[in-house]
Amino acid sequence: MMGVSIHLLMDLTVAGFSLMIGFGIFAFVASILCSAAFFHNAKGHSSDATASFLSSLPFIVSTASSSLHHFLDFAS
């Protein structure tokens, strides 16, 4: 029977936390990109859609920045 050492448990714990942080960052970036794509395509295909998207871009960036700050505060 294999013995489970403390070192193995610590390695698995660190790997689990690393995966959670990595997947969290991936999900955050994917949600920002999906939101940008949605706002770009939801307005139709007129030239006003691009102007509308560009005018909403500072809101998307500020929301993403705020969410990232909350995530980093929570993680530390």
PDB file of N, CA and C in Angstrom:
ATOM      1  N   MET A   1       0.845  -1.187   0.000  1.00  0.00           N
ATOM      2  CA  MET A   1       0.000   0.000   0.000  1.00  0.00           C
ATOM      3  C   MET A   1       0.888   1.247   0.000  1.00  0.00           C
ATOM      4  N   MET A   2       0.504   2.214  -0.802  1.00  0.00           N
ATOM      5  CA  MET A   2       1.301   3.438  -0.891  1.00  0.00           C
ATOM      6  C   MET A   2       1.017   4.337   0.307  1.00  0.00           C
ATOM      7  N   GLY A   3       2.068   4.862   0.872  1.00  0.00           N
ATOM      8  CA  GLY A   3       1.909   5.818   1.952  1.00  0.00           C
ATOM      9  C   GLY A   3       1.741   7.220   1.389  1.00  0.00           C
ATOM     10  N   VAL A   4       0.915   7.994   2.034  1.00  0.00           N
ATOM     11  CA  VAL A   4       0.707   9.377   1.618  1.00  0.00           C
ATOM     12  C   VAL A   4       1.522  10.264   2.544  1.00  0.00           C
ATOM     13  N   SER A   5       2.488  10.951   1.959  1.00  0.00           N
ATOM     14  CA  SER A   5       3.361  11.783   2.778  1.00  0.00           C
ATOM     15  C   SER A   5       2.827  13.211   2.846  1.00  0.00           C
ATOM     16  N   ILE A   6       3.330  13.936   3.805  1.00  0.00           N
ATOM     17  CA  ILE A   6       2.963  15.341   3.964  1.00  0.00           C
ATOM     18  C   ILE A   6       3.416  16.143   2.737  1.00  0.00           C
ATOM     19  N   HIS A   7       4.579  15.774   2.204  1.00  0.00           N
ATOM     20  CA  HIS A   7       5.105  16.478   1.031  1.00  0.00           C
ATOM     21  C   HIS A   7       4.164  16.328  -0.165  1.00  0.00           C
ATOM     22  N   LEU A   8       3.624  15.135  -0.376  1.00  0.00           N
ATOM     23  CA  LEU A   8       2.685  14.903  -1.467  1.00  0.00           C
ATOM     24  C   LEU A   8       1.407  15.715  -1.263  1.00  0.00           C
ATOM     25  N   LEU A   9       0.907  15.734  -0.051  1.00  0.00           N
ATOM     26  CA  LEU A   9      -0.308  16.512   0.228  1.00  0.00           C
ATOM     27  C   LEU A   9      -0.083  18.007   0.012  1.00  0.00           C
ATOM     28  N   MET A  10       1.087  18.509   0.415  1.00  0.00           N
ATOM     29  CA  MET A  10       1.396  19.920   0.196  1.00  0.00           C
ATOM     30  C   MET A  10       1.514  20.226  -1.305  1.00  0.00           C
ATOM     31  N   ASP A  11       2.160  19.331  -2.064  1.00  0.00           N
ATOM     32  CA  ASP A  11       2.282  19.522  -3.509  1.00  0.00           C
ATOM     33  C   ASP A  11       0.912  19.567  -4.179  1.00  0.00           C
ATOM     34  N   LEU A  12       0.031  18.658  -3.790  1.00  0.00           N
ATOM     35  CA  LEU A  12      -1.314  18.631  -4.374  1.00  0.00           C
ATOM     36  C   LEU A  12      -2.119  19.875  -3.988  1.00  0.00           C
ATOM     37  N   THR A  13      -1.942  20.362  -2.766  1.00  0.00           N
ATOM     38  CA  THR A  13      -2.640  21.561  -2.325  1.00  0.00           C
ATOM     39  C   THR A  13      -2.179  22.781  -3.114  1.00  0.00           C
ATOM     40  N   VAL A  14      -0.875  22.927  -3.265  1.00  0.00           N
ATOM     41  CA  VAL A  14      -0.333  24.061  -4.032  1.00  0.00           C
ATOM     42  C   VAL A  14      -0.769  23.971  -5.494  1.00  0.00           C
ATOM     43  N   ALA A  15      -0.754  22.768  -6.053  1.00  0.00           N
ATOM     44  CA  ALA A  15      -1.194  22.594  -7.441  1.00  0.00           C
ATOM     45  C   ALA A  15      -2.672  22.949  -7.584  1.00  0.00           C
ATOM     46  N   GLY A  16      -3.485  22.576  -6.614  1.00  0.00           N
ATOM     47  CA  GLY A  16      -4.911  22.906  -6.656  1.00  0.00           C
ATOM     48  C   GLY A  16      -5.148  24.403  -6.610  1.00  0.00           C
ATOM     49  N   PHE A  17      -4.446  25.090  -5.715  1.00  0.00           N
ATOM     50  CA  PHE A  17      -4.593  26.549  -5.645  1.00  0.00           C
ATOM     51  C   PHE A  17      -4.092  27.218  -6.928  1.00  0.00           C
ATOM     52  N   SER A  18      -3.007  26.714  -7.480  1.00  0.00           N
ATOM     53  CA  SER A  18      -2.494  27.277  -8.725  1.00  0.00           C
ATOM     54  C   SER A  18      -3.504  27.113  -9.859  1.00  0.00           C
ATOM     55  N   LEU A  19      -4.138  25.949  -9.927  1.00  0.00           N
ATOM     56  CA  LEU A  19      -5.160  25.733 -10.950  1.00  0.00           C
ATOM     57  C   LEU A  19      -6.352  26.664 -10.752  1.00  0.00           C
ATOM     58  N   MET A  20      -6.771  26.843  -9.506  1.00  0.00           N
ATOM     59  CA  MET A  20      -7.905  27.734  -9.240  1.00  0.00           C
ATOM     60  C   MET A  20      -7.590  29.161  -9.670  1.00  0.00           C
ATOM     61  N   ILE A  21      -6.399  29.631  -9.348  1.00  0.00           N
ATOM     62  CA  ILE A  21      -6.010  30.996  -9.726  1.00  0.00           C
ATOM     63  C   ILE A  21      -5.886  31.105 -11.245  1.00  0.00           C
ATOM     64  N   GLY A  22      -5.260  30.115 -11.869  1.00  0.00           N
ATOM     65  CA  GLY A  22      -5.107  30.126 -13.323  1.00  0.00           C
ATOM     66  C   GLY A  22      -6.440  30.094 -14.048  1.00  0.00           C
ATOM     67  N   PHE A  23      -7.336  29.211 -13.619  1.00  0.00           N
ATOM     68  CA  PHE A  23      -8.659  29.147 -14.246  1.00  0.00           C
ATOM     69  C   PHE A  23      -9.472  30.404 -13.951  1.00  0.00           C
ATOM     70  N   GLY A  24      -9.277  30.992 -12.786  1.00  0.00           N
ATOM     71  CA  GLY A  24      -9.978  32.230 -12.455  1.00  0.00           C
ATOM     72  C   GLY A  24      -9.555  33.374 -13.362  1.00  0.00           C
ATOM     73  N   ILE A  25      -8.253  33.493 -13.588  1.00  0.00           N
ATOM     74  CA  ILE A  25      -7.756  34.543 -14.494  1.00  0.00           C
ATOM     75  C   ILE A  25      -8.243  34.281 -15.915  1.00  0.00           C
ATOM     76  N   PHE A  26      -8.218  33.001 -16.339  1.00  0.00           N
ATOM     77  CA  PHE A  26      -8.708  32.650 -17.669  1.00  0.00           C
ATOM     78  C   PHE A  26     -10.188  33.008 -17.814  1.00  0.00           C
ATOM     79  N   ALA A  27     -10.994  32.685 -16.805  1.00  0.00           N
ATOM     80  CA  ALA A  27     -12.427  32.985 -16.860  1.00  0.00           C
ATOM     81  C   ALA A  27     -12.672  34.489 -16.884  1.00  0.00           C
ATOM     82  N   PHE A  28     -11.877  35.228 -16.125  1.00  0.00           N
ATOM     83  CA  PHE A  28     -12.008  36.688 -16.095  1.00  0.00           C
ATOM     84  C   PHE A  28     -11.727  37.290 -17.467  1.00  0.00           C
ATOM     85  N   VAL A  29     -10.618  36.890 -18.080  1.00  0.00           N
ATOM     86  CA  VAL A  29     -10.254  37.416 -19.397  1.00  0.00           C
ATOM     87  C   VAL A  29     -11.297  36.989 -20.436  1.00  0.00           C
ATOM     88  N   ALA A  30     -11.739  35.730 -20.372  1.00  0.00           N
ATOM     89  CA  ALA A  30     -12.735  35.248 -21.332  1.00  0.00           C
ATOM     90  C   ALA A  30     -14.044  36.014 -21.189  1.00  0.00           C
ATOM     91  N   SER A  31     -14.451  36.330 -19.959  1.00  0.00           N
ATOM     92  CA  SER A  31     -15.704  37.066 -19.771  1.00  0.00           C
ATOM     93  C   SER A  31     -15.603  38.488 -20.313  1.00  0.00           C
ATOM     94  N   ILE A  32     -14.444  39.116 -20.166  1.00  0.00           N
ATOM     95  CA  ILE A  32     -14.260  40.461 -20.721  1.00  0.00           C
ATOM     96  C   ILE A  32     -14.308  40.415 -22.246  1.00  0.00           C
ATOM     97  N   LEU A  33     -13.630  39.431 -22.830  1.00  0.00           N
ATOM     98  CA  LEU A  33     -13.638  39.322 -24.293  1.00  0.00           C
ATOM     99  C   LEU A  33     -15.032  38.991 -24.824  1.00  0.00           C
ATOM    100  N   CYS A  34     -15.749  38.119 -24.129  1.00  0.00           N
ATOM    101  CA  CYS A  34     -17.106  37.783 -24.562  1.00  0.00           C
ATOM    102  C   CYS A  34     -18.037  38.983 -24.424  1.00  0.00           C
ATOM    103  N   SER A  35     -17.866  39.756 -23.368  1.00  0.00           N
ATOM    104  CA  SER A  35     -18.685  40.954 -23.202  1.00  0.00           C
ATOM    105  C   SER A  35     -18.412  41.955 -24.320  1.00  0.00           C
ATOM    106  N   ALA A  36     -17.151  42.130 -24.649  1.00  0.00           N
ATOM    107  CA  ALA A  36     -16.805  43.061 -25.726  1.00  0.00           C
ATOM    108  C   ALA A  36     -17.383  42.586 -27.059  1.00  0.00           C
ATOM    109  N   ALA A  37     -17.296  41.291 -27.318  1.00  0.00           N
ATOM    110  CA  ALA A  37     -17.850  40.751 -28.565  1.00  0.00           C
ATOM    111  C   ALA A  37     -19.367  40.897 -28.594  1.00  0.00           C
ATOM    112  N   PHE A  38     -20.006  40.671 -27.451  1.00  0.00           N
ATOM    113  CA  PHE A  38     -21.465  40.818 -27.393  1.00  0.00           C
ATOM    114  C   PHE A  38     -21.875  42.261 -27.661  1.00  0.00           C
ATOM    115  N   PHE A  39     -21.227  43.209 -26.990  1.00  0.00           N
ATOM    116  CA  PHE A  39     -21.584  44.611 -27.197  1.00  0.00           C
ATOM    117  C   PHE A  39     -21.327  45.042 -28.644  1.00  0.00           C
ATOM    118  N   HIS A  40     -20.289  44.479 -29.230  1.00  0.00           N
ATOM    119  CA  HIS A  40     -19.972  44.832 -30.607  1.00  0.00           C
ATOM    120  C   HIS A  40     -21.028  44.302 -31.582  1.00  0.00           C
ATOM    121  N   ASN A  41     -21.516  43.086 -31.334  1.00  0.00           N
ATOM    122  CA  ASN A  41     -22.451  42.450 -32.263  1.00  0.00           C
ATOM    123  C   ASN A  41     -23.914  42.708 -31.930  1.00  0.00           C
ATOM    124  N   ALA A  42     -24.242  43.097 -30.724  1.00  0.00           N
ATOM    125  CA  ALA A  42     -25.635  43.264 -30.327  1.00  0.00           C
ATOM    126  C   ALA A  42     -26.265  44.515 -30.929  1.00  0.00           C
ATOM    127  N   LYS A  43     -25.464  45.453 -31.364  1.00  0.00           N
ATOM    128  CA  LYS A  43     -25.990  46.716 -31.867  1.00  0.00           C
ATOM    129  C   LYS A  43     -26.350  46.655 -33.348  1.00  0.00           C
ATOM    130  N   GLY A  44     -26.042  45.577 -34.023  1.00  0.00           N
ATOM    131  CA  GLY A  44     -26.292  45.508 -35.452  1.00  0.00           C
ATOM    132  C   GLY A  44     -25.008  45.730 -36.215  1.00  0.00           C
ATOM    133  N   HIS A  45     -25.125  45.849 -37.514  1.00  0.00           N
ATOM    134  CA  HIS A  45     -23.936  45.973 -38.348  1.00  0.00           C
ATOM    135  C   HIS A  45     -23.826  47.340 -38.997  1.00  0.00           C
ATOM    136  N   SER A  46     -24.347  48.345 -38.347  1.00  0.00           N
ATOM    137  CA  SER A  46     -24.233  49.686 -38.908  1.00  0.00           C
ATOM    138  C   SER A  46     -22.949  50.345 -38.417  1.00  0.00           C
ATOM    139  N   SER A  47     -22.629  51.475 -38.985  1.00  0.00           N
ATOM    140  CA  SER A  47     -21.424  52.184 -38.573  1.00  0.00           C
ATOM    141  C   SER A  47     -21.595  52.780 -37.181  1.00  0.00           C
ATOM    142  N   ASP A  48     -22.853  52.971 -36.748  1.00  0.00           N
ATOM    143  CA  ASP A  48     -23.098  53.473 -35.402  1.00  0.00           C
ATOM    144  C   ASP A  48     -22.724  52.443 -34.346  1.00  0.00           C
ATOM    145  N   ALA A  49     -22.750  51.162 -34.710  1.00  0.00           N
ATOM    146  CA  ALA A  49     -22.416  50.121 -33.743  1.00  0.00           C
ATOM    147  C   ALA A  49     -20.971  50.247 -33.280  1.00  0.00           C
ATOM    148  N   THR A  50     -20.071  50.529 -34.201  1.00  0.00           N
ATOM    149  CA  THR A  50     -18.661  50.680 -33.837  1.00  0.00           C
ATOM    150  C   THR A  50     -18.474  51.881 -32.924  1.00  0.00           C
ATOM    151  N   ALA A  51     -19.134  52.977 -33.246  1.00  0.00           N
ATOM    152  CA  ALA A  51     -19.017  54.165 -32.403  1.00  0.00           C
ATOM    153  C   ALA A  51     -19.609  53.903 -31.024  1.00  0.00           C
ATOM    154  N   SER A  52     -20.722  53.193 -30.986  1.00  0.00           N
ATOM    155  CA  SER A  52     -21.345  52.871 -29.704  1.00  0.00           C
ATOM    156  C   SER A  52     -20.448  51.955 -28.877  1.00  0.00           C
ATOM    157  N   PHE A  53     -19.840  50.954 -29.542  1.00  0.00           N
ATOM    158  CA  PHE A  53     -18.936  50.045 -28.845  1.00  0.00           C
ATOM    159  C   PHE A  53     -17.735  50.799 -28.290  1.00  0.00           C
ATOM    160  N   LEU A  54     -17.163  51.672 -29.110  1.00  0.00           N
ATOM    161  CA  LEU A  54     -15.995  52.423 -28.654  1.00  0.00           C
ATOM    162  C   LEU A  54     -16.350  53.371 -27.515  1.00  0.00           C
ATOM    163  N   SER A  55     -17.568  53.898 -27.517  1.00  0.00           N
ATOM    164  CA  SER A  55     -17.964  54.771 -26.415  1.00  0.00           C
ATOM    165  C   SER A  55     -18.201  53.979 -25.131  1.00  0.00           C
ATOM    166  N   SER A  56     -18.573  52.685 -25.245  1.00  0.00           N
ATOM    167  CA  SER A  56     -18.787  51.869 -24.047  1.00  0.00           C
ATOM    168  C   SER A  56     -17.508  51.188 -23.576  1.00  0.00           C
ATOM    169  N   LEU A  57     -16.444  51.272 -24.365  1.00  0.00           N
ATOM    170  CA  LEU A  57     -15.192  50.603 -24.007  1.00  0.00           C
ATOM    171  C   LEU A  57     -14.603  51.087 -22.679  1.00  0.00           C
ATOM    172  N   PRO A  58     -14.590  52.381 -22.363  1.00  0.00           N
ATOM    173  CA  PRO A  58     -14.051  52.783 -21.047  1.00  0.00           C
ATOM    174  C   PRO A  58     -14.815  52.153 -19.884  1.00  0.00           C
ATOM    175  N   PHE A  59     -16.134  51.975 -20.032  1.00  0.00           N
ATOM    176  CA  PHE A  59     -16.915  51.317 -18.980  1.00  0.00           C
ATOM    177  C   PHE A  59     -16.495  49.870 -18.819  1.00  0.00           C
ATOM    178  N   ILE A  60     -16.276  49.171 -19.936  1.00  0.00           N
ATOM    179  CA  ILE A  60     -15.856  47.768 -19.876  1.00  0.00           C
ATOM    180  C   ILE A  60     -14.498  47.660 -19.208  1.00  0.00           C
ATOM    181  N   VAL A  61     -13.572  48.527 -19.572  1.00  0.00           N
ATOM    182  CA  VAL A  61     -12.220  48.482 -19.007  1.00  0.00           C
ATOM    183  C   VAL A  61     -12.242  48.830 -17.525  1.00  0.00           C
ATOM    184  N   SER A  62     -13.028  49.841 -17.142  1.00  0.00           N
ATOM    185  CA  SER A  62     -13.076  50.209 -15.724  1.00  0.00           C
ATOM    186  C   SER A  62     -13.729  49.116 -14.901  1.00  0.00           C
ATOM    187  N   THR A  63     -14.742  48.453 -15.449  1.00  0.00           N
ATOM    188  CA  THR A  63     -15.377  47.337 -14.739  1.00  0.00           C
ATOM    189  C   THR A  63     -14.401  46.187 -14.585  1.00  0.00           C
ATOM    190  N   ALA A  64     -13.659  45.884 -15.641  1.00  0.00           N
ATOM    191  CA  ALA A  64     -12.672  44.809 -15.579  1.00  0.00           C
ATOM    192  C   ALA A  64     -11.583  45.140 -14.572  1.00  0.00           C
ATOM    193  N   SER A  65     -11.128  46.380 -14.570  1.00  0.00           N
ATOM    194  CA  SER A  65     -10.087  46.797 -13.637  1.00  0.00           C
ATOM    195  C   SER A  65     -10.581  46.701 -12.204  1.00  0.00           C
ATOM    196  N   SER A  66     -11.808  47.136 -11.973  1.00  0.00           N
ATOM    197  CA  SER A  66     -12.378  47.071 -10.627  1.00  0.00           C
ATOM    198  C   SER A  66     -12.516  45.628 -10.166  1.00  0.00           C
ATOM    199  N   SER A  67     -12.977  44.752 -11.062  1.00  0.00           N
ATOM    200  CA  SER A  67     -13.123  43.342 -10.704  1.00  0.00           C
ATOM    201  C   SER A  67     -11.776  42.709 -10.412  1.00  0.00           C
ATOM    202  N   LEU A  68     -10.764  43.069 -11.185  1.00  0.00           N
ATOM    203  CA  LEU A  68      -9.430  42.523 -10.959  1.00  0.00           C
ATOM    204  C   LEU A  68      -8.883  42.985  -9.613  1.00  0.00           C
ATOM    205  N   HIS A  69      -9.097  44.247  -9.255  1.00  0.00           N
ATOM    206  CA  HIS A  69      -8.636  44.737  -7.949  1.00  0.00           C
ATOM    207  C   HIS A  69      -9.337  43.988  -6.813  1.00  0.00           C
ATOM    208  N   HIS A  70     -10.640  43.742  -6.957  1.00  0.00           N
ATOM    209  CA  HIS A  70     -11.360  42.991  -5.920  1.00  0.00           C
ATOM    210  C   HIS A  70     -10.823  41.562  -5.826  1.00  0.00           C
ATOM    211  N   PHE A  71     -10.548  40.944  -6.971  1.00  0.00           N
ATOM    212  CA  PHE A  71     -10.022  39.596  -6.975  1.00  0.00           C
ATOM    213  C   PHE A  71      -8.647  39.543  -6.306  1.00  0.00           C
ATOM    214  N   LEU A  72      -7.783  40.498  -6.636  1.00  0.00           N
ATOM    215  CA  LEU A  72      -6.440  40.507  -6.047  1.00  0.00           C
ATOM    216  C   LEU A  72      -6.481  40.815  -4.558  1.00  0.00           C
ATOM    217  N   ASP A  73      -7.397  41.690  -4.126  1.00  0.00           N
ATOM    218  CA  ASP A  73      -7.542  41.954  -2.695  1.00  0.00           C
ATOM    219  C   ASP A  73      -8.010  40.719  -1.968  1.00  0.00           C
ATOM    220  N   PHE A  74      -8.926  39.961  -2.599  1.00  0.00           N
ATOM    221  CA  PHE A  74      -9.440  38.742  -1.980  1.00  0.00           C
ATOM    222  C   PHE A  74      -8.380  37.663  -1.934  1.00  0.00           C
ATOM    223  N   ALA A  75      -7.557  37.578  -2.981  1.00  0.00           N
ATOM    224  CA  ALA A  75      -6.549  36.534  -3.067  1.00  0.00           C
ATOM    225  C   ALA A  75      -5.396  36.765  -2.095  1.00  0.00           C
ATOM    226  N   SER A  76      -5.138  38.011  -1.725  1.00  0.00           N
ATOM    227  CA  SER A  76      -3.993  38.266  -0.831  1.00  0.00           C
ATOM    228  C   SER A  76      -4.385  38.293   0.613  1.00  0.00           C
TER     229      SER A  76
END
